[in-house]
C-alpha atoms as a PDB file:
ATOM      1  CA  MET A   1    -140.855-107.501-123.386  1.00  0.00           C
ATOM      2  CA  ARG A   2    -141.380-103.747-123.473  1.00  0.00           C
ATOM      3  CA  TYR A   3    -144.787-102.598-124.669  1.00  0.00           C
ATOM      4  CA  ILE A   4    -144.457-100.235-127.653  1.00  0.00           C
ATOM      5  CA  ILE A   5    -147.160 -97.604-128.063  1.00  0.00           C
ATOM      6  CA  ASP A   6    -148.395 -97.331-131.654  1.00  0.00           C
ATOM      7  CA  ARG A   7    -148.968 -93.574-131.783  1.00  0.00           C
ATOM      8  CA  LYS A   8    -150.337 -93.554-135.322  1.00  0.00           C
ATOM      9  CA  LYS A   9    -152.882 -96.187-134.375  1.00  0.00           C
ATOM     10  CA  ILE A  10    -153.956 -94.153-131.311  1.00  0.00           C
ATOM     11  CA  ILE A  11    -154.394 -91.002-133.408  1.00  0.00           C
ATOM     12  CA  LYS A  12    -156.337 -92.933-136.039  1.00  0.00           C
ATOM     13  CA  CYS A  13    -158.688 -94.429-133.417  1.00  0.00           C
ATOM     14  CA  LEU A  14    -159.342 -91.034-131.830  1.00  0.00           C
ATOM     15  CA  VAL A  15    -160.111 -89.456-135.205  1.00  0.00           C
ATOM     16  CA  LYS A  16    -162.400 -92.370-136.015  1.00  0.00           C
ATOM     17  CA  THR A  17    -164.415 -91.668-132.847  1.00  0.00           C
ATOM     18  CA  GLY A  18    -164.890 -88.037-133.892  1.00  0.00           C
ATOM     19  CA  LEU A  19    -162.115 -86.221-132.015  1.00  0.00           C
ATOM     20  CA  THR A  20    -160.490 -83.282-133.785  1.00  0.00           C
ATOM     21  CA  ILE A  21    -156.694 -83.497-133.532  1.00  0.00           C
ATOM     22  CA  ASP A  22    -155.650 -79.856-133.621  1.00  0.00           C
ATOM     23  CA  ASP A  23    -152.010 -80.413-132.605  1.00  0.00           C
ATOM     24  CA  GLU A  24    -150.770 -83.951-133.209  1.00  0.00           C
ATOM     25  CA  LYS A  25    -147.295 -83.264-131.819  1.00  0.00           C
ATOM     26  CA  ARG A  26    -148.695 -81.866-128.559  1.00  0.00           C
ATOM     27  CA  LEU A  27    -151.082 -84.819-128.210  1.00  0.00           C
ATOM     28  CA  ILE A  28    -148.295 -87.376-128.679  1.00  0.00           C
ATOM     29  CA  GLN A  29    -146.101 -85.536-126.163  1.00  0.00           C
ATOM     30  CA  ALA A  30    -148.987 -85.470-123.667  1.00  0.00           C
ATOM     31  CA  ILE A  31    -149.691 -89.193-124.106  1.00  0.00           C
ATOM     32  CA  ASN A  32    -145.987 -89.956-123.615  1.00  0.00           C
ATOM     33  CA  HIS A  33    -145.791 -87.770-120.523  1.00  0.00           C
ATOM     34  CA  TYR A  34    -149.118 -88.478-118.815  1.00  0.00           C
ATOM     35  CA  ASN A  35    -149.916 -91.903-120.406  1.00  0.00           C
ATOM     36  CA  PHE A  36    -152.914 -92.747-122.568  1.00  0.00           C
ATOM     37  CA  ASN A  37    -155.198 -94.192-119.893  1.00  0.00           C
ATOM     38  CA  THR A  38    -154.789 -91.211-117.581  1.00  0.00           C
ATOM     39  CA  LEU A  39    -155.225 -88.581-120.275  1.00  0.00           C
ATOM     40  CA  ILE A  40    -157.824 -89.997-122.654  1.00  0.00           C
ATOM     41  CA  ASN A  41    -159.783 -92.440-120.495  1.00  0.00           C
ATOM     42  CA  GLY A  42    -159.712 -90.165-117.456  1.00  0.00           C
ATOM     43  CA  TYR A  43    -160.703 -86.882-119.073  1.00  0.00           C
ATOM     44  CA  SER A  44    -162.648 -87.635-122.277  1.00  0.00           C
ATOM     45  CA  HIS A  45    -166.110 -88.289-120.947  1.00  0.00           C
ATOM     46  CA  ILE A  46    -167.265 -84.651-120.758  1.00  0.00           C
ATOM     47  CA  PHE A  47    -166.478 -84.355-124.482  1.00  0.00           C
ATOM     48  CA  LEU A  48    -168.474 -87.433-125.534  1.00  0.00           C
ATOM     49  CA  LYS A  49    -171.960 -87.455-127.027  1.00  0.00           C
ATOM     50  CA  LYS A  50    -174.581 -88.428-124.502  1.00  0.00           C
ATOM     51  CA  ASP A  51    -176.610 -90.587-126.859  1.00  0.00           C
ATOM     52  CA  LYS A  52    -173.712 -92.515-128.405  1.00  0.00           C
ATOM     53  CA  VAL A  53    -171.036 -94.687-126.826  1.00  0.00           C
ATOM     54  CA  ASN A  54    -167.460 -93.465-127.317  1.00  0.00           C
ATOM     55  CA  ARG A  55    -168.330 -90.787-129.888  1.00  0.00           C
ATOM     56  CA  TYR A  56    -167.008 -87.262-129.434  1.00  0.00           C
ATOM     57  CA  GLU A  57    -169.049 -84.108-129.895  1.00  0.00           C
ATOM     58  CA  LYS A  58    -168.075 -82.265-133.080  1.00  0.00           C
ATOM     59  CA  GLU A  59    -166.666 -79.360-131.014  1.00  0.00           C
ATOM     60  CA  ALA A  60    -164.333 -81.672-129.041  1.00  0.00           C
ATOM     61  CA  SER A  61    -160.606 -81.473-129.686  1.00  0.00           C
ATOM     62  CA  SER A  62    -157.373 -82.960-128.395  1.00  0.00           C
ATOM     63  CA  ASN A  63    -156.110 -79.614-127.060  1.00  0.00           C
ATOM     64  CA  GLN A  64    -159.213 -79.246-124.908  1.00  0.00           C
ATOM     65  CA  ILE A  65    -158.656 -82.685-123.361  1.00  0.00           C
ATOM     66  CA  ILE A  66    -155.028 -81.809-122.593  1.00  0.00           C
ATOM     67  CA  ASP A  67    -156.016 -78.414-121.169  1.00  0.00           C
ATOM     68  CA  PHE A  68    -158.655 -80.119-119.034  1.00  0.00           C
ATOM     69  CA  TYR A  69    -156.103 -82.577-117.667  1.00  0.00           C
ATOM     70  CA  GLU A  70    -153.640 -79.793-116.875  1.00  0.00           C
ATOM     71  CA  PHE A  71    -156.396 -77.857-115.099  1.00  0.00           C
ATOM     72  CA  ASP A  72    -157.061 -80.895-112.904  1.00  0.00           C
ATOM     73  CA  LEU A  73    -153.341 -81.308-112.235  1.00  0.00           C
ATOM     74  CA  ASN A  74    -153.069 -77.662-111.140  1.00  0.00           C
ATOM     75  CA  PHE A  75    -156.209 -78.031-109.032  1.00  0.00           C
ATOM     76  CA  ALA A  76    -154.755 -81.125-107.328  1.00  0.00           C
ATOM     77  CA  ASN A  77    -151.446 -79.390-106.593  1.00  0.00           C
ATOM     78  CA  HIS A  78    -153.313 -76.352-105.276  1.00  0.00           C
ATOM     79  CA  LEU A  79    -155.455 -78.543-103.015  1.00  0.00           C
ATOM     80  CA  LEU A  80    -152.499 -80.654-101.860  1.00  0.00           C
ATOM     81  CA  ARG A  81    -150.809 -77.614-100.271  1.00  0.00           C
ATOM     82  CA  TYR A  82    -153.677 -77.203 -97.835  1.00  0.00           C
ATOM     83  CA  ILE A  83    -154.102 -80.919 -97.145  1.00  0.00           C
ATOM     84  CA  LEU A  84    -150.405 -81.079 -96.241  1.00  0.00           C
ATOM     85  CA  LYS A  85    -150.874 -78.124 -93.917  1.00  0.00           C
ATOM     86  CA  LEU A  86    -153.752 -79.896 -92.149  1.00  0.00           C
ATOM     87  CA  GLU A  87    -151.737 -83.113 -92.062  1.00  0.00           C
ATOM     88  CA  LYS A  88    -148.946 -81.273 -90.258  1.00  0.00           C
ATOM     89  CA  GLN A  89    -151.421 -79.686 -87.826  1.00  0.00           C
ATOM     90  CA  LEU A  90    -152.937 -83.075 -86.948  1.00  0.00           C
ATOM     91  CA  ASN A  91    -149.505 -84.676 -86.665  1.00  0.00           C
ATOM     92  CA  THR A  92    -148.346 -82.024 -84.192  1.00  0.00           C
ATOM     93  CA  ALA A  93    -151.627 -82.045 -82.259  1.00  0.00           C
ATOM     94  CA  VAL A  94    -151.513 -85.831 -81.747  1.00  0.00           C
ATOM     95  CA  ALA A  95    -147.877 -85.781 -80.616  1.00  0.00           C
ATOM     96  CA  TYR A  96    -148.297 -82.920 -78.152  1.00  0.00           C
ATOM     97  CA  CYS A  97    -151.558 -84.338 -76.832  1.00  0.00           C
ATOM     98  CA  LEU A  98    -149.662 -87.445 -75.713  1.00  0.00           C
ATOM     99  CA  ILE A  99    -146.793 -85.350 -74.367  1.00  0.00           C
ATOM    100  CA  ASP A 100    -149.111 -83.079 -72.357  1.00  0.00           C
ATOM    101  CA  VAL A 101    -151.619 -85.628 -71.088  1.00  0.00           C
ATOM    102  CA  TYR A 102    -149.048 -88.263 -70.093  1.00  0.00           C
ATOM    103  CA  GLN A 103    -146.507 -85.694 -68.885  1.00  0.00           C
ATOM    104  CA  LEU A 104    -143.724 -86.974 -71.096  1.00  0.00           C
ATOM    105  CA  HIS A 105    -141.264 -84.396 -69.868  1.00  0.00           C
ATOM    106  CA  ASP A 106    -138.489 -85.949 -71.929  1.00  0.00           C
ATOM    107  CA  HIS A 107    -141.001 -86.343 -74.790  1.00  0.00           C
ATOM    108  CA  CYS A 108    -140.065 -90.021 -75.244  1.00  0.00           C
ATOM    109  CA  LEU A 109    -143.083 -92.234 -75.938  1.00  0.00           C
ATOM    110  CA  MET A 110    -141.008 -95.422 -76.075  1.00  0.00           C
ATOM    111  CA  LYS A 111    -140.063 -95.087 -72.405  1.00  0.00           C
ATOM    112  CA  LEU A 112    -143.654 -95.909 -71.474  1.00  0.00           C
ATOM    113  CA  ASN A 113    -144.494 -99.510 -70.647  1.00  0.00           C
ATOM    114  CA  PRO A 114    -145.849-101.247 -73.810  1.00  0.00           C
ATOM    115  CA  GLN A 115    -148.722-102.774 -71.846  1.00  0.00           C
ATOM    116  CA  TYR A 116    -149.662 -99.336 -70.541  1.00  0.00           C
ATOM    117  CA  ILE A 117    -149.661 -97.928 -74.090  1.00  0.00           C
ATOM    118  CA  LYS A 118    -151.824-100.813 -75.263  1.00  0.00           C
ATOM    119  CA  GLU A 119    -154.379-100.666 -72.448  1.00  0.00           C
ATOM    120  CA  LYS A 120    -154.541 -96.931 -71.685  1.00  0.00           C
ATOM    121  CA  ILE A 121    -153.647 -95.067 -74.866  1.00  0.00           C
ATOM    122  CA  LEU A 122    -154.349 -97.194 -77.951  1.00  0.00           C
ATOM    123  CA  VAL A 123    -157.601 -98.626 -76.653  1.00  0.00           C
ATOM    124  CA  ASN A 124    -159.348 -98.457 -80.058  1.00  0.00           C
ATOM    125  CA  LEU A 125    -156.575-100.037 -82.119  1.00  0.00           C
ATOM    126  CA  ASP A 126    -158.324-103.389 -82.490  1.00  0.00           C
ATOM    127  CA  THR A 127    -161.424-101.746 -83.977  1.00  0.00           C
ATOM    128  CA  VAL A 128    -159.476 -99.372 -86.246  1.00  0.00           C
ATOM    129  CA  ASN A 129    -157.766-102.187 -88.128  1.00  0.00           C
ATOM    130  CA  PRO A 130    -158.178-105.698 -86.694  1.00  0.00           C
ATOM    131  CA  SER A 131    -155.556-107.045 -89.107  1.00  0.00           C
ATOM    132  CA  ILE A 132    -152.789-104.921 -87.535  1.00  0.00           C
ATOM    133  CA  SER A 133    -151.393-106.190 -84.265  1.00  0.00           C
ATOM    134  CA  PHE A 134    -150.276-103.841 -81.510  1.00  0.00           C
ATOM    135  CA  ASP A 135    -146.623-104.807 -82.081  1.00  0.00           C
ATOM    136  CA  ASN A 136    -146.869-104.148 -85.814  1.00  0.00           C
ATOM    137  CA  PHE A 137    -148.486-100.774 -85.202  1.00  0.00           C
ATOM    138  CA  MET A 138    -145.774 -99.718 -82.770  1.00  0.00           C
ATOM    139  CA  ASN A 139    -143.176-100.801 -85.325  1.00  0.00           C
ATOM    140  CA  ALA A 140    -144.941 -98.618 -87.910  1.00  0.00           C
ATOM    141  CA  LEU A 141    -144.502 -95.589 -85.641  1.00  0.00           C
ATOM    142  CA  VAL A 142    -140.705 -95.927 -85.823  1.00  0.00           C
ATOM    143  CA  LYS A 143    -140.467 -97.514 -89.272  1.00  0.00           C
ATOM    144  CA  HIS A 144    -138.682 -94.576 -90.914  1.00  0.00           C
ATOM    145  CA  CYS A 145    -136.799 -93.227 -87.905  1.00  0.00           C
ATOM    146  CA  ALA A 146    -133.547 -94.986 -88.807  1.00  0.00           C
ATOM    147  CA  ILE A 147    -133.316 -93.266 -92.210  1.00  0.00           C
ATOM    148  CA  ASN A 148    -134.518 -89.785 -91.288  1.00  0.00           C
ATOM    149  CA  ASP A 149    -131.717 -87.290 -90.649  1.00  0.00           C
ATOM    150  CA  LEU A 150    -133.594 -85.712 -87.735  1.00  0.00           C
ATOM    151  CA  THR A 151    -134.269 -88.955 -85.896  1.00  0.00           C
ATOM    152  CA  LYS A 152    -131.577 -91.507 -86.732  1.00  0.00           C
ATOM    153  CA  ALA A 153    -129.078 -89.932 -84.338  1.00  0.00           C
ATOM    154  CA  TYR A 154    -131.326 -90.941 -81.406  1.00  0.00           C
ATOM    155  CA  LYS A 155    -131.148 -94.662 -82.192  1.00  0.00           C
ATOM    156  CA  VAL A 156    -129.703 -96.694 -79.323  1.00  0.00           C
ATOM    157  CA  LYS A 157    -127.291 -99.279 -80.711  1.00  0.00           C
ATOM    158  CA  GLY A 158    -126.809-102.852 -79.577  1.00  0.00           C
ATOM    159  CA  THR A 159    -130.470-103.821 -79.173  1.00  0.00           C
ATOM    160  CA  SER A 160    -133.257-105.156 -81.381  1.00  0.00           C
ATOM    161  CA  ASP A 161    -136.011-104.153 -78.965  1.00  0.00           C
ATOM    162  CA  ILE A 162    -137.779-101.155 -80.514  1.00  0.00           C
ATOM    163  CA  TYR A 163    -138.665 -99.654 -77.121  1.00  0.00           C
ATOM    164  CA  ARG A 164    -135.028 -99.633 -75.998  1.00  0.00           C
ATOM    165  CA  MET A 165    -133.811 -98.723 -79.480  1.00  0.00           C
ATOM    166  CA  TRP A 166    -135.931 -95.552 -79.575  1.00  0.00           C
ATOM    167  CA  SER A 167    -136.191 -94.818 -75.866  1.00  0.00           C
ATOM    168  CA  GLU A 168    -134.236 -91.564 -76.288  1.00  0.00           C
ATOM    169  CA  LEU A 169    -136.194 -90.299 -79.305  1.00  0.00           C
ATOM    170  CA  PRO A 170    -138.527 -87.383 -78.465  1.00  0.00           C
ATOM    171  CA  LEU A 171    -142.074 -87.914 -79.695  1.00  0.00           C
ATOM    172  CA  ASP A 172    -142.207 -84.475 -81.319  1.00  0.00           C
ATOM    173  CA  LEU A 173    -139.346 -85.636 -83.564  1.00  0.00           C
ATOM    174  CA  MET A 174    -140.621 -89.181 -84.059  1.00  0.00           C
ATOM    175  CA  CYS A 175    -143.894 -87.833 -85.474  1.00  0.00           C
ATOM    176  CA  VAL A 176    -141.999 -86.102 -88.300  1.00  0.00           C
ATOM    177  CA  THR A 177    -141.448 -89.527 -89.902  1.00  0.00           C
ATOM    178  CA  TRP A 178    -145.120 -90.578 -89.878  1.00  0.00           C
ATOM    179  CA  SER A 179    -147.212 -90.778 -93.016  1.00  0.00           C
ATOM    180  CA  PHE A 180    -150.661 -89.174 -93.035  1.00  0.00           C
ATOM    181  CA  ALA A 181    -152.200 -92.658 -92.757  1.00  0.00           C
ATOM    182  CA  THR A 182    -150.057 -93.508 -89.714  1.00  0.00           C
ATOM    183  CA  THR A 183    -150.997 -90.240 -88.003  1.00  0.00           C
ATOM    184  CA  PHE A 184    -154.683 -90.797 -88.779  1.00  0.00           C
ATOM    185  CA  ASN A 185    -154.666 -94.403 -87.545  1.00  0.00           C
ATOM    186  CA  LEU A 186    -152.922 -93.328 -84.345  1.00  0.00           C
ATOM    187  CA  PHE A 187    -155.436 -90.522 -83.848  1.00  0.00           C
ATOM    188  CA  ILE A 188    -158.498 -92.759 -84.136  1.00  0.00           C
ATOM    189  CA  SER A 189    -156.855 -95.494 -82.033  1.00  0.00           C
ATOM    190  CA  LEU A 190    -156.640 -93.211 -79.000  1.00  0.00           C
ATOM    191  CA  ASN A 191    -159.136 -93.311 -76.160  1.00  0.00           C
ATOM    192  CA  SER A 192    -162.129 -90.996 -76.503  1.00  0.00           C
ATOM    193  CA  SER A 193    -160.869 -88.397 -74.028  1.00  0.00           C
ATOM    194  CA  LEU A 194    -157.657 -87.969 -76.039  1.00  0.00           C
ATOM    195  CA  ILE A 195    -159.605 -87.699 -79.294  1.00  0.00           C
ATOM    196  CA  ASP A 196    -161.773 -84.990 -77.715  1.00  0.00           C
ATOM    197  CA  TYR A 197    -158.636 -83.238 -76.443  1.00  0.00           C
ATOM    198  CA  ILE A 198    -157.194 -83.146 -79.955  1.00  0.00           C
ATOM    199  CA  GLY A 199    -160.524 -82.008 -81.393  1.00  0.00           C
ATOM    200  CA  GLU A 200    -160.420 -79.030 -79.059  1.00  0.00           C
ATOM    201  CA  GLN A 201    -157.148 -77.939 -80.688  1.00  0.00           C
ATOM    202  CA  PHE A 202    -159.163 -77.534 -83.894  1.00  0.00           C
ATOM    203  CA  ASN A 203    -162.104 -75.833 -82.116  1.00  0.00           C
ATOM    204  CA  VAL A 204    -164.257 -78.938 -82.557  1.00  0.00           C
ATOM    205  CA  SER A 205    -166.611 -79.728 -79.692  1.00  0.00           C
ATOM    206  CA  SER A 206    -166.636 -83.224 -78.185  1.00  0.00           C
ATOM    207  CA  ARG A 207    -170.062 -83.943 -79.690  1.00  0.00           C
ATOM    208  CA  ASN A 208    -168.630 -83.519 -83.199  1.00  0.00           C
ATOM    209  CA  THR A 209    -165.300 -85.347 -83.013  1.00  0.00           C
ATOM    210  CA  ASN A 210    -166.740 -88.249 -85.037  1.00  0.00           C
ATOM    211  CA  GLY A 211    -167.532 -85.779 -87.807  1.00  0.00           C
ATOM    212  CA  PHE A 212    -163.990 -84.436 -87.599  1.00  0.00           C
ATOM    213  CA  ILE A 213    -162.659 -87.992 -87.950  1.00  0.00           C
ATOM    214  CA  ASP A 214    -164.777 -88.479 -91.100  1.00  0.00           C
ATOM    215  CA  PHE A 215    -163.520 -85.141 -92.438  1.00  0.00           C
ATOM    216  CA  ILE A 216    -159.873 -86.147 -91.953  1.00  0.00           C
ATOM    217  CA  HIS A 217    -160.573 -89.577 -93.455  1.00  0.00           C
ATOM    218  CA  ASN A 218    -161.918 -87.938 -96.620  1.00  0.00           C
ATOM    219  CA  LEU A 219    -158.804 -85.766 -96.842  1.00  0.00           C
ATOM    220  CA  LEU A 220    -156.624 -88.874 -96.527  1.00  0.00           C
ATOM    221  CA  ILE A 221    -158.470 -90.495 -99.447  1.00  0.00           C
ATOM    222  CA  ILE A 222    -158.080 -87.376-101.608  1.00  0.00           C
ATOM    223  CA  ARG A 223    -154.413 -87.105-100.605  1.00  0.00           C
ATOM    224  CA  ASN A 224    -153.829 -90.673-101.794  1.00  0.00           C
ATOM    225  CA  LYS A 225    -155.655 -89.990-105.066  1.00  0.00           C
ATOM    226  CA  ILE A 226    -153.467 -86.964-105.726  1.00  0.00           C
ATOM    227  CA  SER A 227    -150.329 -88.991-104.964  1.00  0.00           C
ATOM    228  CA  HIS A 228    -151.381 -91.657-107.482  1.00  0.00           C
ATOM    229  CA  ASN A 229    -152.476 -89.189-110.201  1.00  0.00           C
ATOM    230  CA  TYR A 230    -156.147 -90.076-110.020  1.00  0.00           C
ATOM    231  CA  VAL A 231    -158.827 -87.781-111.466  1.00  0.00           C
ATOM    232  CA  ILE A 232    -159.571 -85.166-108.788  1.00  0.00           C
ATOM    233  CA  TYR A 233    -162.064 -82.663-110.208  1.00  0.00           C
ATOM    234  CA  ASN A 234    -165.083 -84.992-109.906  1.00  0.00           C
ATOM    235  CA  THR A 235    -164.080 -86.706-106.650  1.00  0.00           C
ATOM    236  CA  GLN A 236    -167.050 -87.797-104.603  1.00  0.00           C
ATOM    237  CA  ILE A 237    -166.931 -87.471-100.821  1.00  0.00           C
ATOM    238  CA  GLU A 238    -166.706 -91.135 -99.850  1.00  0.00           C
ATOM    239  CA  TYR A 239    -167.325 -90.938 -96.108  1.00  0.00           C
ATOM    240  CA  GLN A 240    -170.771 -89.374 -95.821  1.00  0.00           C
ATOM    241  CA  SER A 241    -172.313 -89.430 -92.356  1.00  0.00           C
ATOM    242  CA  ASN A 242    -174.677 -87.554 -90.083  1.00  0.00           C
ATOM    243  CA  ALA A 243    -171.622 -86.801 -87.943  1.00  0.00           C
ATOM    244  CA  LEU A 244    -169.909 -85.064 -90.882  1.00  0.00           C
ATOM    245  CA  ASN A 245    -173.077 -83.078 -91.603  1.00  0.00           C
ATOM    246  CA  ASN A 246    -173.332 -82.074 -87.951  1.00  0.00           C
ATOM    247  CA  LEU A 247    -169.731 -80.858 -87.949  1.00  0.00           C
ATOM    248  CA  TYR A 248    -170.433 -78.686 -90.990  1.00  0.00           C
ATOM    249  CA  ASN A 249    -173.612 -77.369 -89.380  1.00  0.00           C
ATOM    250  CA  GLU A 250    -171.704 -76.453 -86.216  1.00  0.00           C
ATOM    251  CA  LEU A 251    -168.939 -74.664 -88.107  1.00  0.00           C
ATOM    252  CA  PHE A 252    -171.103 -72.677 -90.516  1.00  0.00           C
ATOM    253  CA  LYS A 253    -174.520 -72.589 -88.818  1.00  0.00           C
ATOM    254  CA  VAL A 254    -176.104 -73.959 -91.991  1.00  0.00           C
ATOM    255  CA  GLN A 255    -178.116 -77.157 -92.291  1.00  0.00           C
ATOM    256  CA  VAL A 256    -176.987 -79.485 -95.084  1.00  0.00           C
ATOM    257  CA  LYS A 257    -178.031 -83.030 -95.920  1.00  0.00           C
ATOM    258  CA  HIS A 258    -175.056 -83.893 -98.104  1.00  0.00           C
ATOM    259  CA  ILE A 259    -171.391 -82.883 -98.030  1.00  0.00           C
ATOM    260  CA  GLY A 260    -169.986 -82.224-101.500  1.00  0.00           C
ATOM    261  CA  PHE A 261    -166.567 -81.037-102.611  1.00  0.00           C
ATOM    262  CA  TYR A 262    -167.573 -77.404-102.108  1.00  0.00           C
ATOM    263  CA  GLU A 263    -168.511 -78.009 -98.465  1.00  0.00           C
ATOM    264  CA  LEU A 264    -165.303 -79.976 -97.920  1.00  0.00           C
ATOM    265  CA  LEU A 265    -163.269 -77.066 -99.284  1.00  0.00           C
ATOM    266  CA  GLN A 266    -165.119 -74.730 -96.939  1.00  0.00           C
ATOM    267  CA  MET A 267    -164.092 -76.892 -93.995  1.00  0.00           C
ATOM    268  CA  ILE A 268    -160.478 -76.998 -95.188  1.00  0.00           C
ATOM    269  CA  GLU A 269    -160.527 -73.193 -95.370  1.00  0.00           C
ATOM    270  CA  TYR A 270    -161.841 -73.044 -91.813  1.00  0.00           C
ATOM    271  CA  PHE A 271    -159.292 -75.434 -90.310  1.00  0.00           C
ATOM    272  CA  VAL A 272    -156.232 -73.945 -92.045  1.00  0.00           C
ATOM    273  CA  ASN A 273    -157.578 -70.410 -91.520  1.00  0.00           C
ATOM    274  CA  ASP A 274    -157.153 -69.482 -95.177  1.00  0.00           C
ATOM    275  CA  TYR A 275    -160.294 -68.312 -96.943  1.00  0.00           C
ATOM    276  CA  SER A 276    -158.803 -68.030-100.424  1.00  0.00           C
ATOM    277  CA  ILE A 277    -158.908 -71.724-101.403  1.00  0.00           C
ATOM    278  CA  ILE A 278    -162.290 -71.684-103.158  1.00  0.00           C
ATOM    279  CA  LYS A 279    -161.571 -68.316-104.775  1.00  0.00           C
ATOM    280  CA  LYS A 280    -158.290 -69.602-106.229  1.00  0.00           C
ATOM    281  CA  THR A 281    -159.967 -72.820-107.389  1.00  0.00           C
ATOM    282  CA  LYS A 282    -162.558 -70.793-109.293  1.00  0.00           C
ATOM    283  CA  MET A 283    -159.764 -68.744-110.849  1.00  0.00           C
ATOM    284  CA  TYR A 284    -158.216 -71.952-112.205  1.00  0.00           C
ATOM    285  CA  PHE A 285    -161.616 -72.982-113.539  1.00  0.00           C
ATOM    286  CA  ASP A 286    -162.260 -69.615-115.206  1.00  0.00           C
ATOM    287  CA  LYS A 287    -158.907 -69.856-117.010  1.00  0.00           C
ATOM    288  CA  LEU A 288    -159.674 -73.343-118.341  1.00  0.00           C
ATOM    289  CA  LYS A 289    -159.678 -73.049-122.141  1.00  0.00           C
ATOM    290  CA  ILE A 290    -162.451 -75.391-123.169  1.00  0.00           C
ATOM    291  CA  LYS A 291    -165.800 -74.565-124.740  1.00  0.00           C
ATOM    292  CA  ASP A 292    -168.605 -73.522-122.398  1.00  0.00           C
ATOM    293  CA  GLN A 293    -170.787 -76.486-123.380  1.00  0.00           C
ATOM    294  CA  PHE A 294    -168.115 -78.786-121.924  1.00  0.00           C
ATOM    295  CA  LYS A 295    -167.403 -76.596-118.914  1.00  0.00           C
ATOM    296  CA  ARG A 296    -171.031 -76.950-117.883  1.00  0.00           C
ATOM    297  CA  ARG A 297    -170.588 -80.727-117.758  1.00  0.00           C
ATOM    298  CA  ILE A 298    -167.720 -80.641-115.298  1.00  0.00           C
ATOM    299  CA  MET A 299    -168.567 -82.045-111.891  1.00  0.00           C
ATOM    300  CA  LEU A 300    -166.720 -79.234-110.154  1.00  0.00           C
ATOM    301  CA  PHE A 301    -167.306 -79.476-106.399  1.00  0.00           C
ATOM    302  CA  GLY A 302    -169.436 -82.570-107.093  1.00  0.00           C
ATOM    303  CA  VAL A 303    -172.171 -80.577-108.877  1.00  0.00           C
ATOM    304  CA  ASN A 304    -172.943 -80.934-112.575  1.00  0.00           C
ATOM    305  CA  ASN A 305    -173.253 -77.428-114.003  1.00  0.00           C
ATOM    306  CA  GLU A 306    -175.061 -78.403-117.183  1.00  0.00           C
ATOM    307  CA  ASN A 307    -178.687 -77.304-117.477  1.00  0.00           C
END
């Protein structure tokens, strides 16, 4: 049975909790498009009274909630561009590390002996995710190759063995089909010398590769949140570590005890060599049409701006 949204009941409940409905048609369209839970439950809290549960401040209005959501959506899309750029950089770096180090002149990873791959290359796989077997992981590397226009032409017919099936597929093409999670899991499954080698491609010293891993892991989490339309503006940096702090200290010669969103954006700027990310983010924030008292409550960059 299809669930029918009672729009009049929603409007009535919001008015009852103190929210000014300044454009009922726009609010209904926004709820239909973005859904109620995402829009109202995800973005109302900065408009609520601090001393009362689920009561809006008298200055709060439906248009401000919608504008706030659309700001966060623009912020997420803005941020995603740079995460995708870093994802591509890591993807390429991992592929060409294996090509260079193991002298894969034909670029074909699947021509290597599976036991050799398991014992010499993916030495950390068991600790990365104990629930994933080596065979399952290798299958994940070629999972989408048969449906990708760039790679499907390399499939060898007449065999069910994945190593024979993809023995002619160059690794620098295979990697095009990997998700960010697959690339990341492959990266951290490599032996330490390979991880250091890849870190060097990003100007990260061997003593700070663990911090670089934590940095990439945080980007993967944010990437997944953006893909699933989660609230982004107040995202906390989930993987805090001394290694991550040390990486930041090495890059910017500044001692910090905690990495917030602002510091993460600084590191993204550094690694993609584009120092306009924070400036553009602040431009989006400055254009946000909500009252200053609510702007000060926004956890932009993980810092509450309210005095």
